[in-house]
PDB file of all heavy atoms in Angstrom:
ATOM      1  N   THR A   1     -14.334-176.800 122.235  1.00  0.00           N
ATOM      2  CA  THR A   1     -15.577-177.507 122.555  1.00  0.00           C
ATOM      3  C   THR A   1     -16.467-177.703 121.336  1.00  0.00           C
ATOM      4  O   THR A   1     -17.129-178.734 121.199  1.00  0.00           O
ATOM      5  CB  THR A   1     -16.363-176.757 123.643  1.00  0.00           C
ATOM      6  OG1 THR A   1     -16.608-175.409 123.197  1.00  0.00           O
ATOM      7  CG2 THR A   1     -15.588-176.730 124.940  1.00  0.00           C
ATOM      8  N   ALA A   2     -16.470-176.719 120.418  1.00  0.00           N
ATOM      9  CA  ALA A   2     -17.376-176.780 119.265  1.00  0.00           C
ATOM     10  C   ALA A   2     -16.753-177.446 118.049  1.00  0.00           C
ATOM     11  O   ALA A   2     -17.443-177.734 117.078  1.00  0.00           O
ATOM     12  CB  ALA A   2     -17.827-175.371 118.883  1.00  0.00           C
ATOM     13  N   ARG A   3     -15.438-177.684 118.105  1.00  0.00           N
ATOM     14  CA  ARG A   3     -14.710-178.209 116.937  1.00  0.00           C
ATOM     15  C   ARG A   3     -14.965-177.314 115.716  1.00  0.00           C
ATOM     16  O   ARG A   3     -15.162-177.777 114.589  1.00  0.00           O
ATOM     17  CB  ARG A   3     -15.134-179.655 116.647  1.00  0.00           C
ATOM     18  CG  ARG A   3     -14.126-180.463 115.843  1.00  0.00           C
ATOM     19  CD  ARG A   3     -14.609-181.873 115.547  1.00  0.00           C
ATOM     20  NE  ARG A   3     -13.631-182.616 114.796  1.00  0.00           N
ATOM     21  CZ  ARG A   3     -12.860-183.582 115.279  1.00  0.00           C
ATOM     22  NH1 ARG A   3     -12.978-183.928 116.544  1.00  0.00           N
ATOM     23  NH2 ARG A   3     -11.987-184.203 114.512  1.00  0.00           N
ATOM     24  N   GLY A   4     -14.981-176.024 115.973  1.00  0.00           N
ATOM     25  CA  GLY A   4     -15.256-175.052 114.929  1.00  0.00           C
ATOM     26  C   GLY A   4     -15.526-173.697 115.548  1.00  0.00           C
ATOM     27  O   GLY A   4     -15.070-173.412 116.663  1.00  0.00           O
ATOM     28  N   PRO A   5     -16.266-172.835 114.872  1.00  0.00           N
ATOM     29  CA  PRO A   5     -16.565-171.498 115.389  1.00  0.00           C
ATOM     30  C   PRO A   5     -17.299-171.564 116.725  1.00  0.00           C
ATOM     31  O   PRO A   5     -17.986-172.557 117.026  1.00  0.00           O
ATOM     32  CB  PRO A   5     -17.450-170.884 114.298  1.00  0.00           C
ATOM     33  CG  PRO A   5     -17.081-171.626 113.054  1.00  0.00           C
ATOM     34  CD  PRO A   5     -16.780-173.024 113.504  1.00  0.00           C
ATOM     35  N   PRO A   6     -17.198-170.509 117.541  1.00  0.00           N
ATOM     36  CA  PRO A   6     -17.888-170.488 118.827  1.00  0.00           C
ATOM     37  C   PRO A   6     -19.387-170.752 118.676  1.00  0.00           C
ATOM     38  O   PRO A   6     -20.008-170.262 117.719  1.00  0.00           O
ATOM     39  CB  PRO A   6     -17.626-169.054 119.334  1.00  0.00           C
ATOM     40  CG  PRO A   6     -16.333-168.675 118.690  1.00  0.00           C
ATOM     41  CD  PRO A   6     -16.362-169.310 117.332  1.00  0.00           C
ATOM     42  N   PRO A   7     -19.987-171.498 119.583  1.00  0.00           N
ATOM     43  CA  PRO A   7     -21.416-171.818 119.468  1.00  0.00           C
ATOM     44  C   PRO A   7     -22.309-170.597 119.344  1.00  0.00           C
ATOM     45  O   PRO A   7     -23.302-170.627 118.603  1.00  0.00           O
ATOM     46  CB  PRO A   7     -21.693-172.584 120.761  1.00  0.00           C
ATOM     47  CG  PRO A   7     -20.381-173.198 121.135  1.00  0.00           C
ATOM     48  CD  PRO A   7     -19.349-172.194 120.717  1.00  0.00           C
ATOM     49  N   VAL A   8     -21.982-169.503 120.042  1.00  0.00           N
ATOM     50  CA  VAL A   8     -22.842-168.327 119.962  1.00  0.00           C
ATOM     51  C   VAL A   8     -22.771-167.680 118.577  1.00  0.00           C
ATOM     52  O   VAL A   8     -23.745-167.083 118.109  1.00  0.00           O
ATOM     53  CB  VAL A   8     -22.471-167.319 121.073  1.00  0.00           C
ATOM     54  CG1 VAL A   8     -21.177-166.583 120.770  1.00  0.00           C
ATOM     55  CG2 VAL A   8     -23.601-166.340 121.318  1.00  0.00           C
ATOM     56  N   VAL A   9     -21.634-167.809 117.897  1.00  0.00           N
ATOM     57  CA  VAL A   9     -21.511-167.306 116.527  1.00  0.00           C
ATOM     58  C   VAL A   9     -22.346-168.162 115.576  1.00  0.00           C
ATOM     59  O   VAL A   9     -23.051-167.655 114.700  1.00  0.00           O
ATOM     60  CB  VAL A   9     -20.034-167.287 116.084  1.00  0.00           C
ATOM     61  CG1 VAL A   9     -19.904-167.004 114.593  1.00  0.00           C
ATOM     62  CG2 VAL A   9     -19.253-166.247 116.887  1.00  0.00           C
ATOM     63  N   GLU A  10     -22.296-169.477 115.767  1.00  0.00           N
ATOM     64  CA  GLU A  10     -23.106-170.365 114.932  1.00  0.00           C
ATOM     65  C   GLU A  10     -24.595-170.162 115.191  1.00  0.00           C
ATOM     66  O   GLU A  10     -25.408-170.269 114.273  1.00  0.00           O
ATOM     67  CB  GLU A  10     -22.722-171.820 115.207  1.00  0.00           C
ATOM     68  CG  GLU A  10     -21.317-172.175 114.740  1.00  0.00           C
ATOM     69  CD  GLU A  10     -21.175-172.085 113.231  1.00  0.00           C
ATOM     70  OE1 GLU A  10     -20.936-170.968 112.721  1.00  0.00           O
ATOM     71  OE2 GLU A  10     -21.296-173.116 112.559  1.00  0.00           O
ATOM     72  N   ARG A  11     -24.963-169.846 116.435  1.00  0.00           N
ATOM     73  CA  ARG A  11     -26.365-169.588 116.738  1.00  0.00           C
ATOM     74  C   ARG A  11     -26.835-168.301 116.058  1.00  0.00           C
ATOM     75  O   ARG A  11     -27.941-168.240 115.512  1.00  0.00           O
ATOM     76  CB  ARG A  11     -26.564-169.481 118.248  1.00  0.00           C
ATOM     77  CG  ARG A  11     -28.034-169.445 118.679  1.00  0.00           C
ATOM     78  CD  ARG A  11     -28.133-169.444 120.192  1.00  0.00           C
ATOM     79  NE  ARG A  11     -27.442-170.585 120.780  1.00  0.00           N
ATOM     80  CZ  ARG A  11     -27.191-170.715 122.078  1.00  0.00           C
ATOM     81  NH1 ARG A  11     -27.568-169.772 122.927  1.00  0.00           N
ATOM     82  NH2 ARG A  11     -26.567-171.781 122.539  1.00  0.00           N
ATOM     83  N   ALA A  12     -26.006-167.274 116.075  1.00  0.00           N
ATOM     84  CA  ALA A  12     -26.348-166.029 115.381  1.00  0.00           C
ATOM     85  C   ALA A  12     -26.467-166.264 113.880  1.00  0.00           C
ATOM     86  O   ALA A  12     -27.359-165.719 113.222  1.00  0.00           O
ATOM     87  CB  ALA A  12     -25.290-164.959 115.679  1.00  0.00           C
ATOM     88  N   ASP A  13     -25.569-167.089 113.348  1.00  0.00           N
ATOM     89  CA  ASP A  13     -25.623-167.436 111.930  1.00  0.00           C
ATOM     90  C   ASP A  13     -26.946-168.121 111.597  1.00  0.00           C
ATOM     91  O   ASP A  13     -27.585-167.814 110.576  1.00  0.00           O
ATOM     92  CB  ASP A  13     -24.447-168.345 111.586  1.00  0.00           C
ATOM     93  CG  ASP A  13     -24.479-168.828 110.147  1.00  0.00           C
ATOM     94  OD1 ASP A  13     -25.116-169.867 109.878  1.00  0.00           O
ATOM     95  OD2 ASP A  13     -23.853-168.179 109.290  1.00  0.00           O
ATOM     96  N   ALA A  14     -27.393-169.028 112.451  1.00  0.00           N
ATOM     97  CA  ALA A  14     -28.652-169.731 112.203  1.00  0.00           C
ATOM     98  C   ALA A  14     -29.843-168.789 112.286  1.00  0.00           C
ATOM     99  O   ALA A  14     -30.803-168.914 111.513  1.00  0.00           O
ATOM    100  CB  ALA A  14     -28.800-170.878 113.211  1.00  0.00           C
ATOM    101  N   LEU A  15     -29.804-167.819 113.215  1.00  0.00           N
ATOM    102  CA  LEU A  15     -30.904-166.875 113.351  1.00  0.00           C
ATOM    103  C   LEU A  15     -30.981-165.924 112.166  1.00  0.00           C
ATOM    104  O   LEU A  15     -32.076-165.569 111.713  1.00  0.00           O
ATOM    105  CB  LEU A  15     -30.736-166.064 114.638  1.00  0.00           C
ATOM    106  CG  LEU A  15     -30.937-166.802 115.966  1.00  0.00           C
ATOM    107  CD1 LEU A  15     -30.552-165.900 117.132  1.00  0.00           C
ATOM    108  CD2 LEU A  15     -32.389-167.264 116.105  1.00  0.00           C
ATOM    109  N   ALA A  16     -29.826-165.497 111.665  1.00  0.00           N
ATOM    110  CA  ALA A  16     -29.803-164.479 110.603  1.00  0.00           C
ATOM    111  C   ALA A  16     -29.897-165.064 109.207  1.00  0.00           C
ATOM    112  O   ALA A  16     -30.250-164.356 108.255  1.00  0.00           O
ATOM    113  CB  ALA A  16     -28.514-163.660 110.721  1.00  0.00           C
ATOM    114  N   ARG A  17     -29.604-166.366 109.067  1.00  0.00           N
ATOM    115  CA  ARG A  17     -29.548-166.960 107.735  1.00  0.00           C
ATOM    116  C   ARG A  17     -30.919-166.908 107.046  1.00  0.00           C
ATOM    117  O   ARG A  17     -31.951-167.199 107.652  1.00  0.00           O
ATOM    118  CB  ARG A  17     -29.070-168.401 107.826  1.00  0.00           C
ATOM    119  CG  ARG A  17     -28.871-169.076 106.472  1.00  0.00           C
ATOM    120  CD  ARG A  17     -28.492-170.533 106.639  1.00  0.00           C
ATOM    121  NE  ARG A  17     -27.308-170.675 107.489  1.00  0.00           N
ATOM    122  CZ  ARG A  17     -27.275-171.398 108.589  1.00  0.00           C
ATOM    123  NH1 ARG A  17     -28.360-172.045 108.999  1.00  0.00           N
ATOM    124  NH2 ARG A  17     -26.165-171.482 109.295  1.00  0.00           N
ATOM    125  N   ILE A  18     -30.911-166.535 105.784  1.00  0.00           N
ATOM    126  CA  ILE A  18     -32.111-166.592 104.939  1.00  0.00           C
ATOM    127  C   ILE A  18     -31.983-167.841 104.091  1.00  0.00           C
ATOM    128  O   ILE A  18     -31.106-167.931 103.233  1.00  0.00           O
ATOM    129  CB  ILE A  18     -32.255-165.335 104.058  1.00  0.00           C
ATOM    130  CG1 ILE A  18     -32.267-164.069 104.936  1.00  0.00           C
ATOM    131  CG2 ILE A  18     -33.526-165.400 103.225  1.00  0.00           C
ATOM    132  CD1 ILE A  18     -32.286-162.776 104.139  1.00  0.00           C
ATOM    133  N   GLY A  19     -32.831-168.831 104.340  1.00  0.00           N
ATOM    134  CA  GLY A  19     -32.720-170.120 103.683  1.00  0.00           C
ATOM    135  C   GLY A  19     -33.049-170.077 102.203  1.00  0.00           C
ATOM    136  O   GLY A  19     -33.593-169.094 101.685  1.00  0.00           O
ATOM    137  N   VAL A  20     -32.739-171.162 101.515  1.00  0.00           N
ATOM    138  CA  VAL A  20     -32.955-171.243 100.073  1.00  0.00           C
ATOM    139  C   VAL A  20     -34.418-171.025  99.722  1.00  0.00           C
ATOM    140  O   VAL A  20     -34.761-170.250  98.812  1.00  0.00           O
ATOM    141  CB  VAL A  20     -32.462-172.607  99.539  1.00  0.00           C
ATOM    142  CG1 VAL A  20     -32.878-172.795  98.085  1.00  0.00           C
ATOM    143  CG2 VAL A  20     -30.947-172.710  99.669  1.00  0.00           C
ATOM    144  N   ASP A  21     -35.311-171.705 100.418  1.00  0.00           N
ATOM    145  CA  ASP A  21     -36.739-171.552 100.133  1.00  0.00           C
ATOM    146  C   ASP A  21     -37.213-170.136 100.436  1.00  0.00           C
ATOM    147  O   ASP A  21     -38.042-169.581  99.698  1.00  0.00           O
ATOM    148  CB  ASP A  21     -37.547-172.558 100.953  1.00  0.00           C
ATOM    149  CG  ASP A  21     -37.309-173.998 100.512  1.00  0.00           C
ATOM    150  OD1 ASP A  21     -36.826-174.193  99.375  1.00  0.00           O
ATOM    151  OD2 ASP A  21     -37.579-174.912 101.309  1.00  0.00           O
ATOM    152  N   GLU A  22     -36.685-169.537 101.517  1.00  0.00           N
ATOM    153  CA  GLU A  22     -37.068-168.170 101.861  1.00  0.00           C
ATOM    154  C   GLU A  22     -36.582-167.180 100.812  1.00  0.00           C
ATOM    155  O   GLU A  22     -37.284-166.228 100.467  1.00  0.00           O
ATOM    156  CB  GLU A  22     -36.508-167.817 103.242  1.00  0.00           C
ATOM    157  CG  GLU A  22     -37.116-168.626 104.377  1.00  0.00           C
ATOM    158  CD  GLU A  22     -36.343-168.456 105.665  1.00  0.00           C
ATOM    159  OE1 GLU A  22     -35.083-168.432 105.598  1.00  0.00           O
ATOM    160  OE2 GLU A  22     -36.971-168.350 106.723  1.00  0.00           O
ATOM    161  N   LYS A  23     -35.358-167.400 100.301  1.00  0.00           N
ATOM    162  CA  LYS A  23     -34.846-166.521  99.247  1.00  0.00           C
ATOM    163  C   LYS A  23     -35.730-166.582  98.009  1.00  0.00           C
ATOM    164  O   LYS A  23     -36.062-165.542  97.411  1.00  0.00           O
ATOM    165  CB  LYS A  23     -33.410-166.916  98.880  1.00  0.00           C
ATOM    166  CG  LYS A  23     -32.383-166.621  99.962  1.00  0.00           C
ATOM    167  CD  LYS A  23     -31.000-167.069  99.536  1.00  0.00           C
ATOM    168  CE  LYS A  23     -29.969-166.811 100.625  1.00  0.00           C
ATOM    169  NZ  LYS A  23     -28.621-167.239 100.224  1.00  0.00           N
ATOM    170  N   ALA A  24     -36.107-167.785  97.615  1.00  0.00           N
ATOM    171  CA  ALA A  24     -36.967-167.936  96.435  1.00  0.00           C
ATOM    172  C   ALA A  24     -38.314-167.269  96.662  1.00  0.00           C
ATOM    173  O   ALA A  24     -38.846-166.595  95.766  1.00  0.00           O
ATOM    174  CB  ALA A  24     -37.151-169.417  96.109  1.00  0.00           C
ATOM    175  N   ALA A  25     -38.883-167.426  97.853  1.00  0.00           N
ATOM    176  CA  ALA A  25     -40.172-166.810  98.158  1.00  0.00           C
ATOM    177  C   ALA A  25     -40.074-165.289  98.146  1.00  0.00           C
ATOM    178  O   ALA A  25     -40.979-164.601  97.631  1.00  0.00           O
ATOM    179  CB  ALA A  25     -40.679-167.303  99.516  1.00  0.00           C
TER     180      ALA A  25
END
């Protein structure tokens, strides 16, 4: 269905990810 990793895994990835701007800050 997701044509990739399970949606709940991608959602966890989005919640935990520290973005580029956040890393710089």
